Amino acid sequence: MQWMRTAPTHPNKSLKIVPKERPRSYAPLVEEAGEAIIAKIKKAADLSNENCDRAMKLAHRLSMQLRAAEDRVNQLEAELELLRDRAERWLQTIQKEIEEKLIAPRSANATKQTSLPKDAEL
């Protein structure tokens, strides 16, 4: 209910508060308030659904990216295993070459030098 003030007619008299006219029916106000509340609830539900849809799309996209990353990791691990095997074979080949070409001839020369008779030297 709204109230209306009236100015005092005499300085010693206090202010009178007189109620404004009451609306004949509150029904239109209740209807407007109800419709406004329903509209706000609908808008909140729409925004909530949009947020949920965005979150689901983002989750799906991130899930796909994660799967792709896992596949790439598996592929790289397989390539790494192949490269490791090749590197080990090369190291074995290099070790064999060093032993055959460098170490074995020196050992043979060292054995020949120690087996010469002392009187053969002048």
PDB file of N, CA and C in Angstrom:
ATOM      1  N   MET A   1       0.841  -1.170   0.000  1.00  0.00           N
ATOM      2  CA  MET A   1       0.000   0.000   0.000  1.00  0.00           C
ATOM      3  C   MET A   1       0.887   1.235   0.000  1.00  0.00           C
ATOM      4  N   GLN A   2       0.570   2.204  -0.785  1.00  0.00           N
ATOM      5  CA  GLN A   2       1.345   3.439  -0.851  1.00  0.00           C
ATOM      6  C   GLN A   2       0.673   4.495   0.009  1.00  0.00           C
ATOM      7  N   TRP A   3       1.492   5.355   0.544  1.00  0.00           N
ATOM      8  CA  TRP A   3       0.984   6.418   1.422  1.00  0.00           C
ATOM      9  C   TRP A   3       1.331   7.756   0.815  1.00  0.00           C
ATOM     10  N   MET A   4       0.480   8.719   1.113  1.00  0.00           N
ATOM     11  CA  MET A   4       0.695  10.055   0.598  1.00  0.00           C
ATOM     12  C   MET A   4       0.799  11.005   1.782  1.00  0.00           C
ATOM     13  N   ARG A   5       1.773  11.907   1.731  1.00  0.00           N
ATOM     14  CA  ARG A   5       1.912  12.886   2.811  1.00  0.00           C
ATOM     15  C   ARG A   5       1.200  14.178   2.407  1.00  0.00           C
ATOM     16  N   THR A   6       0.635  14.810   3.382  1.00  0.00           N
ATOM     17  CA  THR A   6       0.053  16.134   3.128  1.00  0.00           C
ATOM     18  C   THR A   6       0.784  17.141   3.987  1.00  0.00           C
ATOM     19  N   ALA A   7       0.955  18.296   3.467  1.00  0.00           N
ATOM     20  CA  ALA A   7       1.675  19.343   4.201  1.00  0.00           C
ATOM     21  C   ALA A   7       0.807  19.861   5.335  1.00  0.00           C
ATOM     22  N   PRO A   8       1.444  20.195   6.480  1.00  0.00           N
ATOM     23  CA  PRO A   8       0.655  20.721   7.598  1.00  0.00           C
ATOM     24  C   PRO A   8       0.118  22.126   7.262  1.00  0.00           C
ATOM     25  N   THR A   9      -1.085  22.410   7.732  1.00  0.00           N
ATOM     26  CA  THR A   9      -1.658  23.730   7.490  1.00  0.00           C
ATOM     27  C   THR A   9      -1.213  24.718   8.550  1.00  0.00           C
ATOM     28  N   HIS A  10      -0.933  24.269   9.706  1.00  0.00           N
ATOM     29  CA  HIS A  10      -0.427  25.124  10.778  1.00  0.00           C
ATOM     30  C   HIS A  10       0.965  24.647  11.165  1.00  0.00           C
ATOM     31  N   PRO A  11       1.848  25.575  11.544  1.00  0.00           N
ATOM     32  CA  PRO A  11       3.202  25.175  11.907  1.00  0.00           C
ATOM     33  C   PRO A  11       3.247  24.240  13.106  1.00  0.00           C
ATOM     34  N   ASN A  12       2.325  24.322  14.017  1.00  0.00           N
ATOM     35  CA  ASN A  12       2.342  23.476  15.213  1.00  0.00           C
ATOM     36  C   ASN A  12       1.743  22.101  14.964  1.00  0.00           C
ATOM     37  N   LYS A  13       1.064  21.940  13.889  1.00  0.00           N
ATOM     38  CA  LYS A  13       0.427  20.650  13.623  1.00  0.00           C
ATOM     39  C   LYS A  13       1.416  19.712  12.914  1.00  0.00           C
ATOM     40  N   SER A  14       1.261  18.459  13.159  1.00  0.00           N
ATOM     41  CA  SER A  14       2.149  17.478  12.527  1.00  0.00           C
ATOM     42  C   SER A  14       1.647  17.102  11.141  1.00  0.00           C
ATOM     43  N   LEU A  15       2.464  16.382  10.475  1.00  0.00           N
ATOM     44  CA  LEU A  15       2.199  15.946   9.110  1.00  0.00           C
ATOM     45  C   LEU A  15       1.174  14.820   9.131  1.00  0.00           C
ATOM     46  N   LYS A  16       0.215  14.886   8.248  1.00  0.00           N
ATOM     47  CA  LYS A  16      -0.793  13.832   8.165  1.00  0.00           C
ATOM     48  C   LYS A  16      -0.377  12.830   7.089  1.00  0.00           C
ATOM     49  N   ILE A  17      -0.563  11.561   7.349  1.00  0.00           N
ATOM     50  CA  ILE A  17      -0.303  10.527   6.344  1.00  0.00           C
ATOM     51  C   ILE A  17      -1.647   9.926   5.983  1.00  0.00           C
ATOM     52  N   VAL A  18      -1.967  10.096   4.710  1.00  0.00           N
ATOM     53  CA  VAL A  18      -3.239   9.607   4.211  1.00  0.00           C
ATOM     54  C   VAL A  18      -2.943   8.545   3.159  1.00  0.00           C
ATOM     55  N   PRO A  19      -3.549   7.381   3.270  1.00  0.00           N
ATOM     56  CA  PRO A  19      -3.280   6.354   2.268  1.00  0.00           C
ATOM     57  C   PRO A  19      -3.823   6.761   0.905  1.00  0.00           C
ATOM     58  N   LYS A  20      -3.046   6.401  -0.137  1.00  0.00           N
ATOM     59  CA  LYS A  20      -3.528   6.623  -1.501  1.00  0.00           C
ATOM     60  C   LYS A  20      -4.654   5.647  -1.762  1.00  0.00           C
ATOM     61  N   GLU A  21      -5.257   5.838  -2.876  1.00  0.00           N
ATOM     62  CA  GLU A  21      -6.320   4.906  -3.221  1.00  0.00           C
ATOM     63  C   GLU A  21      -5.746   3.517  -3.432  1.00  0.00           C
ATOM     64  N   ARG A  22      -6.391   2.562  -2.904  1.00  0.00           N
ATOM     65  CA  ARG A  22      -5.992   1.175  -3.085  1.00  0.00           C
ATOM     66  C   ARG A  22      -6.430   0.693  -4.445  1.00  0.00           C
ATOM     67  N   PRO A  23      -5.585  -0.115  -5.080  1.00  0.00           N
ATOM     68  CA  PRO A  23      -6.058  -0.668  -6.338  1.00  0.00           C
ATOM     69  C   PRO A  23      -7.272  -1.547  -6.067  1.00  0.00           C
ATOM     70  N   ARG A  24      -8.121  -1.595  -6.999  1.00  0.00           N
ATOM     71  CA  ARG A  24      -9.353  -2.367  -6.817  1.00  0.00           C
ATOM     72  C   ARG A  24      -9.057  -3.861  -6.725  1.00  0.00           C
ATOM     73  N   SER A  25      -7.996  -4.318  -7.496  1.00  0.00           N
ATOM     74  CA  SER A  25      -7.676  -5.738  -7.483  1.00  0.00           C
ATOM     75  C   SER A  25      -6.161  -5.898  -7.639  1.00  0.00           C
ATOM     76  N   TYR A  26      -5.619  -6.817  -6.905  1.00  0.00           N
ATOM     77  CA  TYR A  26      -4.195  -7.125  -7.019  1.00  0.00           C
ATOM     78  C   TYR A  26      -3.929  -8.164  -8.110  1.00  0.00           C
ATOM     79  N   ALA A  27      -4.949  -8.701  -8.682  1.00  0.00           N
ATOM     80  CA  ALA A  27      -4.803  -9.769  -9.663  1.00  0.00           C
ATOM     81  C   ALA A  27      -3.907  -9.382 -10.836  1.00  0.00           C
ATOM     82  N   PRO A  28      -4.059  -8.197 -11.439  1.00  0.00           N
ATOM     83  CA  PRO A  28      -3.153  -7.858 -12.548  1.00  0.00           C
ATOM     84  C   PRO A  28      -1.696  -7.757 -12.108  1.00  0.00           C
ATOM     85  N   LEU A  29      -1.479  -7.240 -10.905  1.00  0.00           N
ATOM     86  CA  LEU A  29      -0.100  -7.146 -10.397  1.00  0.00           C
ATOM     87  C   LEU A  29       0.492  -8.538 -10.168  1.00  0.00           C
ATOM     88  N   VAL A  30      -0.315  -9.414  -9.621  1.00  0.00           N
ATOM     89  CA  VAL A  30       0.145 -10.783  -9.379  1.00  0.00           C
ATOM     90  C   VAL A  30       0.444 -11.472 -10.705  1.00  0.00           C
ATOM     91  N   GLU A  31      -0.417 -11.271 -11.689  1.00  0.00           N
ATOM     92  CA  GLU A  31      -0.201 -11.860 -13.011  1.00  0.00           C
ATOM     93  C   GLU A  31       1.094 -11.341 -13.629  1.00  0.00           C
ATOM     94  N   GLU A  32       1.326 -10.044 -13.571  1.00  0.00           N
ATOM     95  CA  GLU A  32       2.550  -9.455 -14.128  1.00  0.00           C
ATOM     96  C   GLU A  32       3.779 -10.009 -13.423  1.00  0.00           C
ATOM     97  N   ALA A  33       3.722 -10.060 -12.090  1.00  0.00           N
ATOM     98  CA  ALA A  33       4.864 -10.571 -11.321  1.00  0.00           C
ATOM     99  C   ALA A  33       5.123 -12.039 -11.664  1.00  0.00           C
ATOM    100  N   GLY A  34       4.045 -12.824 -11.750  1.00  0.00           N
ATOM    101  CA  GLY A  34       4.197 -14.238 -12.088  1.00  0.00           C
ATOM    102  C   GLY A  34       4.790 -14.430 -13.467  1.00  0.00           C
ATOM    103  N   GLU A  35       4.310 -13.668 -14.437  1.00  0.00           N
ATOM    104  CA  GLU A  35       4.840 -13.762 -15.801  1.00  0.00           C
ATOM    105  C   GLU A  35       6.309 -13.332 -15.858  1.00  0.00           C
ATOM    106  N   ALA A  36       6.651 -12.289 -15.094  1.00  0.00           N
ATOM    107  CA  ALA A  36       8.050 -11.835 -15.060  1.00  0.00           C
ATOM    108  C   ALA A  36       8.953 -12.902 -14.451  1.00  0.00           C
ATOM    109  N   ILE A  37       8.486 -13.528 -13.388  1.00  0.00           N
ATOM    110  CA  ILE A  37       9.278 -14.583 -12.742  1.00  0.00           C
ATOM    111  C   ILE A  37       9.449 -15.769 -13.690  1.00  0.00           C
ATOM    112  N   ILE A  38       8.376 -16.173 -14.346  1.00  0.00           N
ATOM    113  CA  ILE A  38       8.446 -17.292 -15.291  1.00  0.00           C
ATOM    114  C   ILE A  38       9.399 -16.952 -16.437  1.00  0.00           C
ATOM    115  N   ALA A  39       9.358 -15.720 -16.933  1.00  0.00           N
ATOM    116  CA  ALA A  39      10.251 -15.314 -18.017  1.00  0.00           C
ATOM    117  C   ALA A  39      11.709 -15.384 -17.572  1.00  0.00           C
ATOM    118  N   LYS A  40      11.975 -14.940 -16.336  1.00  0.00           N
ATOM    119  CA  LYS A  40      13.356 -15.002 -15.826  1.00  0.00           C
ATOM    120  C   LYS A  40      13.809 -16.447 -15.632  1.00  0.00           C
ATOM    121  N   ILE A  41      12.914 -17.303 -15.154  1.00  0.00           N
ATOM    122  CA  ILE A  41      13.253 -18.724 -14.994  1.00  0.00           C
ATOM    123  C   ILE A  41      13.544 -19.349 -16.354  1.00  0.00           C
ATOM    124  N   LYS A  42      12.738 -19.028 -17.360  1.00  0.00           N
ATOM    125  CA  LYS A  42      12.955 -19.557 -18.715  1.00  0.00           C
ATOM    126  C   LYS A  42      14.298 -19.084 -19.261  1.00  0.00           C
ATOM    127  N   LYS A  43      14.590 -17.801 -19.054  1.00  0.00           N
ATOM    128  CA  LYS A  43      15.875 -17.273 -19.536  1.00  0.00           C
ATOM    129  C   LYS A  43      17.034 -17.964 -18.824  1.00  0.00           C
ATOM    130  N   ALA A  44      16.918 -18.171 -17.508  1.00  0.00           N
ATOM    131  CA  ALA A  44      17.969 -18.860 -16.753  1.00  0.00           C
ATOM    132  C   ALA A  44      18.128 -20.297 -17.250  1.00  0.00           C
ATOM    133  N   ALA A  45      17.026 -20.963 -17.538  1.00  0.00           N
ATOM    134  CA  ALA A  45      17.091 -22.343 -18.042  1.00  0.00           C
ATOM    135  C   ALA A  45      17.752 -22.374 -19.417  1.00  0.00           C
ATOM    136  N   ASP A  46      17.405 -21.416 -20.280  1.00  0.00           N
ATOM    137  CA  ASP A  46      18.018 -21.356 -21.611  1.00  0.00           C
ATOM    138  C   ASP A  46      19.522 -21.134 -21.500  1.00  0.00           C
ATOM    139  N   LEU A  47      19.922 -20.201 -20.639  1.00  0.00           N
ATOM    140  CA  LEU A  47      21.358 -19.936 -20.450  1.00  0.00           C
ATOM    141  C   LEU A  47      22.060 -21.168 -19.883  1.00  0.00           C
ATOM    142  N   SER A  48      21.418 -21.831 -18.958  1.00  0.00           N
ATOM    143  CA  SER A  48      21.996 -23.042 -18.369  1.00  0.00           C
ATOM    144  C   SER A  48      22.171 -24.126 -19.434  1.00  0.00           C
ATOM    145  N   ASN A  49      21.161 -24.303 -20.283  1.00  0.00           N
ATOM    146  CA  ASN A  49      21.258 -25.299 -21.358  1.00  0.00           C
ATOM    147  C   ASN A  49      22.361 -24.942 -22.350  1.00  0.00           C
ATOM    148  N   GLU A  50      22.475 -23.659 -22.681  1.00  0.00           N
ATOM    149  CA  GLU A  50      23.548 -23.232 -23.592  1.00  0.00           C
ATOM    150  C   GLU A  50      24.911 -23.507 -22.974  1.00  0.00           C
ATOM    151  N   ASN A  51      25.061 -23.202 -21.678  1.00  0.00           N
ATOM    152  CA  ASN A  51      26.334 -23.474 -20.992  1.00  0.00           C
ATOM    153  C   ASN A  51      26.641 -24.964 -20.980  1.00  0.00           C
ATOM    154  N   CYS A  52      25.620 -25.768 -20.732  1.00  0.00           N
ATOM    155  CA  CYS A  52      25.804 -27.221 -20.713  1.00  0.00           C
ATOM    156  C   CYS A  52      26.215 -27.722 -22.099  1.00  0.00           C
ATOM    157  N   ASP A  53      25.550 -27.211 -23.136  1.00  0.00           N
ATOM    158  CA  ASP A  53      25.903 -27.613 -24.506  1.00  0.00           C
ATOM    159  C   ASP A  53      27.340 -27.236 -24.835  1.00  0.00           C
ATOM    160  N   ARG A  54      27.738 -26.013 -24.460  1.00  0.00           N
ATOM    161  CA  ARG A  54      29.121 -25.585 -24.717  1.00  0.00           C
ATOM    162  C   ARG A  54      30.106 -26.473 -23.968  1.00  0.00           C
ATOM    163  N   ALA A  55      29.787 -26.783 -22.715  1.00  0.00           N
ATOM    164  CA  ALA A  55      30.677 -27.630 -21.911  1.00  0.00           C
ATOM    165  C   ALA A  55      30.793 -29.031 -22.512  1.00  0.00           C
ATOM    166  N   MET A  56      29.676 -29.569 -22.999  1.00  0.00           N
ATOM    167  CA  MET A  56      29.703 -30.905 -23.611  1.00  0.00           C
ATOM    168  C   MET A  56      30.530 -30.893 -24.892  1.00  0.00           C
ATOM    169  N   LYS A  57      30.366 -29.858 -25.707  1.00  0.00           N
ATOM    170  CA  LYS A  57      31.151 -29.764 -26.946  1.00  0.00           C
ATOM    171  C   LYS A  57      32.633 -29.638 -26.626  1.00  0.00           C
ATOM    172  N   LEU A  58      32.957 -28.826 -25.630  1.00  0.00           N
ATOM    173  CA  LEU A  58      34.352 -28.658 -25.240  1.00  0.00           C
ATOM    174  C   LEU A  58      34.922 -29.969 -24.713  1.00  0.00           C
ATOM    175  N   ALA A  59      34.162 -30.663 -23.875  1.00  0.00           N
ATOM    176  CA  ALA A  59      34.625 -31.948 -23.333  1.00  0.00           C
ATOM    177  C   ALA A  59      34.852 -32.956 -24.460  1.00  0.00           C
ATOM    178  N   HIS A  60      33.960 -32.977 -25.433  1.00  0.00           N
ATOM    179  CA  HIS A  60      34.111 -33.901 -26.571  1.00  0.00           C
ATOM    180  C   HIS A  60      35.362 -33.555 -27.380  1.00  0.00           C
ATOM    181  N   ARG A  61      35.545 -32.258 -27.647  1.00  0.00           N
ATOM    182  CA  ARG A  61      36.714 -31.838 -28.427  1.00  0.00           C
ATOM    183  C   ARG A  61      38.008 -32.169 -27.684  1.00  0.00           C
ATOM    184  N   LEU A  62      38.038 -31.905 -26.374  1.00  0.00           N
ATOM    185  CA  LEU A  62      39.236 -32.214 -25.593  1.00  0.00           C
ATOM    186  C   LEU A  62      39.479 -33.721 -25.518  1.00  0.00           C
ATOM    187  N   SER A  63      38.406 -34.487 -25.448  1.00  0.00           N
ATOM    188  CA  SER A  63      38.537 -35.941 -25.439  1.00  0.00           C
ATOM    189  C   SER A  63      39.153 -36.435 -26.746  1.00  0.00           C
ATOM    190  N   MET A  64      38.710 -35.873 -27.857  1.00  0.00           N
ATOM    191  CA  MET A  64      39.265 -36.249 -29.163  1.00  0.00           C
ATOM    192  C   MET A  64      40.744 -35.854 -29.255  1.00  0.00           C
ATOM    193  N   GLN A  65      41.075 -34.677 -28.750  1.00  0.00           N
ATOM    194  CA  GLN A  65      42.477 -34.245 -28.762  1.00  0.00           C
ATOM    195  C   GLN A  65      43.336 -35.154 -27.897  1.00  0.00           C
ATOM    196  N   LEU A  66      42.798 -35.562 -26.754  1.00  0.00           N
ATOM    197  CA  LEU A  66      43.538 -36.471 -25.871  1.00  0.00           C
ATOM    198  C   LEU A  66      43.776 -37.812 -26.557  1.00  0.00           C
ATOM    199  N   ARG A  67      42.751 -38.337 -27.223  1.00  0.00           N
ATOM    200  CA  ARG A  67      42.922 -39.607 -27.952  1.00  0.00           C
ATOM    201  C   ARG A  67      43.974 -39.470 -29.042  1.00  0.00           C
ATOM    202  N   ALA A  68      43.945 -38.365 -29.762  1.00  0.00           N
ATOM    203  CA  ALA A  68      44.939 -38.141 -30.822  1.00  0.00           C
ATOM    204  C   ALA A  68      46.338 -38.053 -30.225  1.00  0.00           C
ATOM    205  N   ALA A  69      46.463 -37.376 -29.090  1.00  0.00           N
ATOM    206  CA  ALA A  69      47.770 -37.254 -28.441  1.00  0.00           C
ATOM    207  C   ALA A  69      48.264 -38.620 -27.961  1.00  0.00           C
ATOM    208  N   GLU A  70      47.366 -39.424 -27.400  1.00  0.00           N
ATOM    209  CA  GLU A  70      47.754 -40.768 -26.958  1.00  0.00           C
ATOM    210  C   GLU A  70      48.200 -41.623 -28.139  1.00  0.00           C
ATOM    211  N   ASP A  71      47.479 -41.527 -29.252  1.00  0.00           N
ATOM    212  CA  ASP A  71      47.874 -42.271 -30.459  1.00  0.00           C
ATOM    213  C   ASP A  71      49.252 -41.831 -30.932  1.00  0.00           C
ATOM    214  N   ARG A  72      49.501 -40.530 -30.903  1.00  0.00           N
ATOM    215  CA  ARG A  72      50.807 -40.001 -31.340  1.00  0.00           C
ATOM    216  C   ARG A  72      51.914 -40.482 -30.404  1.00  0.00           C
ATOM    217  N   VAL A  73      51.649 -40.498 -29.112  1.00  0.00           N
ATOM    218  CA  VAL A  73      52.646 -40.995 -28.145  1.00  0.00           C
ATOM    219  C   VAL A  73      52.962 -42.459 -28.443  1.00  0.00           C
ATOM    220  N   ASN A  74      51.930 -43.265 -28.694  1.00  0.00           N
ATOM    221  CA  ASN A  74      52.158 -44.679 -29.009  1.00  0.00           C
ATOM    222  C   ASN A  74      52.972 -44.832 -30.290  1.00  0.00           C
ATOM    223  N   GLN A  75      52.664 -44.023 -31.283  1.00  0.00           N
ATOM    224  CA  GLN A  75      53.408 -44.068 -32.545  1.00  0.00           C
ATOM    225  C   GLN A  75      54.872 -43.689 -32.317  1.00  0.00           C
ATOM    226  N   LEU A  76      55.101 -42.620 -31.544  1.00  0.00           N
ATOM    227  CA  LEU A  76      56.478 -42.185 -31.270  1.00  0.00           C
ATOM    228  C   LEU A  76      57.246 -43.225 -30.460  1.00  0.00           C
ATOM    229  N   GLU A  77      56.571 -43.889 -29.529  1.00  0.00           N
ATOM    230  CA  GLU A  77      57.234 -44.940 -28.748  1.00  0.00           C
ATOM    231  C   GLU A  77      57.646 -46.100 -29.651  1.00  0.00           C
ATOM    232  N   ALA A  78      56.794 -46.455 -30.612  1.00  0.00           N
ATOM    233  CA  ALA A  78      57.131 -47.538 -31.548  1.00  0.00           C
ATOM    234  C   ALA A  78      58.318 -47.129 -32.421  1.00  0.00           C
ATOM    235  N   GLU A  79      58.304 -45.890 -32.911  1.00  0.00           N
ATOM    236  CA  GLU A  79      59.438 -45.404 -33.708  1.00  0.00           C
ATOM    237  C   GLU A  79      60.720 -45.380 -32.878  1.00  0.00           C
ATOM    238  N   LEU A  80      60.605 -44.981 -31.636  1.00  0.00           N
ATOM    239  CA  LEU A  80      61.766 -44.948 -30.745  1.00  0.00           C
ATOM    240  C   LEU A  80      62.346 -46.337 -30.559  1.00  0.00           C
ATOM    241  N   GLU A  81      61.497 -47.323 -30.393  1.00  0.00           N
ATOM    242  CA  GLU A  81      61.962 -48.697 -30.227  1.00  0.00           C
ATOM    243  C   GLU A  81      62.732 -49.168 -31.466  1.00  0.00           C
ATOM    244  N   LEU A  82      62.201 -48.857 -32.653  1.00  0.00           N
ATOM    245  CA  LEU A  82      62.893 -49.221 -33.895  1.00  0.00           C
ATOM    246  C   LEU A  82      64.250 -48.523 -33.985  1.00  0.00           C
ATOM    247  N   LEU A  83      64.270 -47.239 -33.686  1.00  0.00           N
ATOM    248  CA  LEU A  83      65.534 -46.494 -33.751  1.00  0.00           C
ATOM    249  C   LEU A  83      66.536 -47.000 -32.717  1.00  0.00           C
ATOM    250  N   ARG A  84      66.054 -47.361 -31.546  1.00  0.00           N
ATOM    251  CA  ARG A  84      66.944 -47.898 -30.512  1.00  0.00           C
ATOM    252  C   ARG A  84      67.568 -49.210 -30.984  1.00  0.00           C
ATOM    253  N   ASP A  85      66.747 -50.072 -31.598  1.00  0.00           N
ATOM    254  CA  ASP A  85      67.260 -51.344 -32.120  1.00  0.00           C
ATOM    255  C   ASP A  85      68.310 -51.105 -33.206  1.00  0.00           C
ATOM    256  N   ARG A  86      68.034 -50.166 -34.114  1.00  0.00           N
ATOM    257  CA  ARG A  86      68.998 -49.852 -35.177  1.00  0.00           C
ATOM    258  C   ARG A  86      70.294 -49.299 -34.588  1.00  0.00           C
ATOM    259  N   ALA A  87      70.168 -48.417 -33.606  1.00  0.00           N
ATOM    260  CA  ALA A  87      71.358 -47.829 -32.985  1.00  0.00           C
ATOM    261  C   ALA A  87      72.192 -48.910 -32.293  1.00  0.00           C
ATOM    262  N   GLU A  88      71.534 -49.831 -31.604  1.00  0.00           N
ATOM    263  CA  GLU A  88      72.270 -50.911 -30.944  1.00  0.00           C
ATOM    264  C   GLU A  88      72.997 -51.790 -31.961  1.00  0.00           C
ATOM    265  N   ARG A  89      72.332 -52.093 -33.094  1.00  0.00           N
ATOM    266  CA  ARG A  89      72.997 -52.885 -34.135  1.00  0.00           C
ATOM    267  C   ARG A  89      74.215 -52.136 -34.680  1.00  0.00           C
ATOM    268  N   TRP A  90      74.068 -50.821 -34.900  1.00  0.00           N
ATOM    269  CA  TRP A  90      75.199 -50.037 -35.387  1.00  0.00           C
ATOM    270  C   TRP A  90      76.343 -50.019 -34.373  1.00  0.00           C
ATOM    271  N   LEU A  91      76.012 -49.872 -33.106  1.00  0.00           N
ATOM    272  CA  LEU A  91      77.072 -49.891 -32.084  1.00  0.00           C
ATOM    273  C   LEU A  91      77.802 -51.236 -32.067  1.00  0.00           C
ATOM    274  N   GLN A  92      77.061 -52.317 -32.221  1.00  0.00           N
ATOM    275  CA  GLN A  92      77.701 -53.635 -32.278  1.00  0.00           C
ATOM    276  C   GLN A  92      78.597 -53.754 -33.511  1.00  0.00           C
ATOM    277  N   THR A  93      78.131 -53.244 -34.645  1.00  0.00           N
ATOM    278  CA  THR A  93      78.922 -53.278 -35.880  1.00  0.00           C
ATOM    279  C   THR A  93      80.193 -52.453 -35.706  1.00  0.00           C
ATOM    280  N   ILE A  94      80.068 -51.283 -35.145  1.00  0.00           N
ATOM    281  CA  ILE A  94      81.227 -50.402 -34.936  1.00  0.00           C
ATOM    282  C   ILE A  94      82.212 -51.050 -33.962  1.00  0.00           C
ATOM    283  N   GLN A  95      81.696 -51.642 -32.885  1.00  0.00           N
ATOM    284  CA  GLN A  95      82.571 -52.311 -31.924  1.00  0.00           C
ATOM    285  C   GLN A  95      83.336 -53.462 -32.595  1.00  0.00           C
ATOM    286  N   LYS A  96      82.655 -54.233 -33.412  1.00  0.00           N
ATOM    287  CA  LYS A  96      83.290 -55.356 -34.113  1.00  0.00           C
ATOM    288  C   LYS A  96      84.379 -54.842 -35.056  1.00  0.00           C
ATOM    289  N   GLU A  97      84.075 -53.757 -35.804  1.00  0.00           N
ATOM    290  CA  GLU A  97      85.056 -53.175 -36.717  1.00  0.00           C
ATOM    291  C   GLU A  97      86.283 -52.685 -35.960  1.00  0.00           C
ATOM    292  N   ILE A  98      86.063 -52.023 -34.831  1.00  0.00           N
ATOM    293  CA  ILE A  98      87.197 -51.530 -34.030  1.00  0.00           C
ATOM    294  C   ILE A  98      88.045 -52.698 -33.556  1.00  0.00           C
ATOM    295  N   GLU A  99      87.397 -53.740 -33.063  1.00  0.00           N
ATOM    296  CA  GLU A  99      88.144 -54.902 -32.579  1.00  0.00           C
ATOM    297  C   GLU A  99      88.914 -55.580 -33.711  1.00  0.00           C
ATOM    298  N   GLU A 100      88.270 -55.723 -34.889  1.00  0.00           N
ATOM    299  CA  GLU A 100      88.925 -56.409 -35.999  1.00  0.00           C
ATOM    300  C   GLU A 100      90.008 -55.563 -36.652  1.00  0.00           C
ATOM    301  N   LYS A 101      89.768 -54.279 -36.829  1.00  0.00           N
ATOM    302  CA  LYS A 101      90.686 -53.437 -37.600  1.00  0.00           C
ATOM    303  C   LYS A 101      91.751 -52.756 -36.750  1.00  0.00           C
ATOM    304  N   LEU A 102      91.448 -52.467 -35.510  1.00  0.00           N
ATOM    305  CA  LEU A 102      92.403 -51.724 -34.691  1.00  0.00           C
ATOM    306  C   LEU A 102      93.026 -52.565 -33.583  1.00  0.00           C
ATOM    307  N   ILE A 103      92.226 -53.237 -32.822  1.00  0.00           N
ATOM    308  CA  ILE A 103      92.738 -53.946 -31.642  1.00  0.00           C
ATOM    309  C   ILE A 103      93.436 -55.245 -32.031  1.00  0.00           C
ATOM    310  N   ALA A 104      92.838 -56.057 -32.881  1.00  0.00           N
ATOM    311  CA  ALA A 104      93.433 -57.339 -33.255  1.00  0.00           C
ATOM    312  C   ALA A 104      94.791 -57.156 -33.933  1.00  0.00           C
ATOM    313  N   PRO A 105      94.967 -56.248 -34.922  1.00  0.00           N
ATOM    314  CA  PRO A 105      96.295 -56.084 -35.522  1.00  0.00           C
ATOM    315  C   PRO A 105      97.348 -55.625 -34.517  1.00  0.00           C
ATOM    316  N   ARG A 106      97.015 -54.806 -33.600  1.00  0.00           N
ATOM    317  CA  ARG A 106      97.996 -54.348 -32.599  1.00  0.00           C
ATOM    318  C   ARG A 106      98.399 -55.499 -31.688  1.00  0.00           C
ATOM    319  N   SER A 107      97.404 -56.291 -31.315  1.00  0.00           N
ATOM    320  CA  SER A 107      97.710 -57.435 -30.459  1.00  0.00           C
ATOM    321  C   SER A 107      98.624 -58.409 -31.194  1.00  0.00           C
ATOM    322  N   ALA A 108      98.352 -58.609 -32.470  1.00  0.00           N
ATOM    323  CA  ALA A 108      99.181 -59.515 -33.263  1.00  0.00           C
ATOM    324  C   ALA A 108     100.598 -58.959 -33.367  1.00  0.00           C
ATOM    325  N   ASN A 109     100.759 -57.669 -33.611  1.00  0.00           N
ATOM    326  CA  ASN A 109     102.085 -57.045 -33.687  1.00  0.00           C
ATOM    327  C   ASN A 109     102.803 -57.141 -32.354  1.00  0.00           C
ATOM    328  N   ALA A 110     102.096 -56.961 -31.289  1.00  0.00           N
ATOM    329  CA  ALA A 110     102.713 -57.045 -29.963  1.00  0.00           C
ATOM    330  C   ALA A 110     103.183 -58.461 -29.686  1.00  0.00           C
ATOM    331  N   THR A 111     102.432 -59.446 -30.118  1.00  0.00           N
ATOM    332  CA  THR A 111     102.809 -60.846 -29.922  1.00  0.00           C
ATOM    333  C   THR A 111     104.030 -61.175 -30.767  1.00  0.00           C
ATOM    334  N   LYS A 112     104.092 -60.703 -32.009  1.00  0.00           N
ATOM    335  CA  LYS A 112     105.235 -60.956 -32.882  1.00  0.00           C
ATOM    336  C   LYS A 112     106.496 -60.326 -32.307  1.00  0.00           C
ATOM    337  N   GLN A 113     106.382 -59.131 -31.778  1.00  0.00           N
ATOM    338  CA  GLN A 113     107.553 -58.440 -31.251  1.00  0.00           C
ATOM    339  C   GLN A 113     108.077 -59.139 -30.009  1.00  0.00           C
ATOM    340  N   THR A 114     107.252 -59.671 -29.182  1.00  0.00           N
ATOM    341  CA  THR A 114     107.714 -60.338 -27.971  1.00  0.00           C
ATOM    342  C   THR A 114     108.222 -61.739 -28.256  1.00  0.00           C
ATOM    343  N   SER A 115     107.833 -62.331 -29.402  1.00  0.00           N
ATOM    344  CA  SER A 115     108.270 -63.689 -29.691  1.00  0.00           C
ATOM    345  C   SER A 115     109.569 -63.731 -30.485  1.00  0.00           C
ATOM    346  N   LEU A 116     110.129 -62.626 -30.917  1.00  0.00           N
ATOM    347  CA  LEU A 116     111.398 -62.617 -31.640  1.00  0.00           C
ATOM    348  C   LEU A 116     112.533 -63.012 -30.688  1.00  0.00           C
ATOM    349  N   PRO A 117     113.506 -63.825 -31.162  1.00  0.00           N
ATOM    350  CA  PRO A 117     114.624 -64.200 -30.292  1.00  0.00           C
ATOM    351  C   PRO A 117     115.518 -62.989 -30.044  1.00  0.00           C
ATOM    352  N   LYS A 118     116.159 -62.978 -28.905  1.00  0.00           N
ATOM    353  CA  LYS A 118     116.979 -61.842 -28.515  1.00  0.00           C
ATOM    354  C   LYS A 118     118.228 -61.740 -29.383  1.00  0.00           C
ATOM    355  N   ASP A 119     118.751 -62.810 -29.857  1.00  0.00           N
ATOM    356  CA  ASP A 119     119.934 -62.751 -30.685  1.00  0.00           C
ATOM    357  C   ASP A 119     119.629 -62.266 -32.084  1.00  0.00           C
ATOM    358  N   ALA A 120     118.319 -62.181 -32.462  1.00  0.00           N
ATOM    359  CA  ALA A 120     117.941 -61.665 -33.770  1.00  0.00           C
ATOM    360  C   ALA A 120     118.081 -60.156 -33.777  1.00  0.00           C
ATOM    361  N   GLU A 121     118.070 -59.592 -32.626  1.00  0.00           N
ATOM    362  CA  GLU A 121     118.208 -58.128 -32.566  1.00  0.00           C
ATOM    363  C   GLU A 121     119.681 -57.777 -32.544  1.00  0.00           C
ATOM    364  N   LEU A 122     120.066 -56.745 -33.176  1.00  0.00           N
ATOM    365  CA  LEU A 122     121.468 -56.308 -33.200  1.00  0.00           C
ATOM    366  C   LEU A 122     121.678 -55.081 -32.439  1.00  0.00           C
TER     367      LEU A 122
END
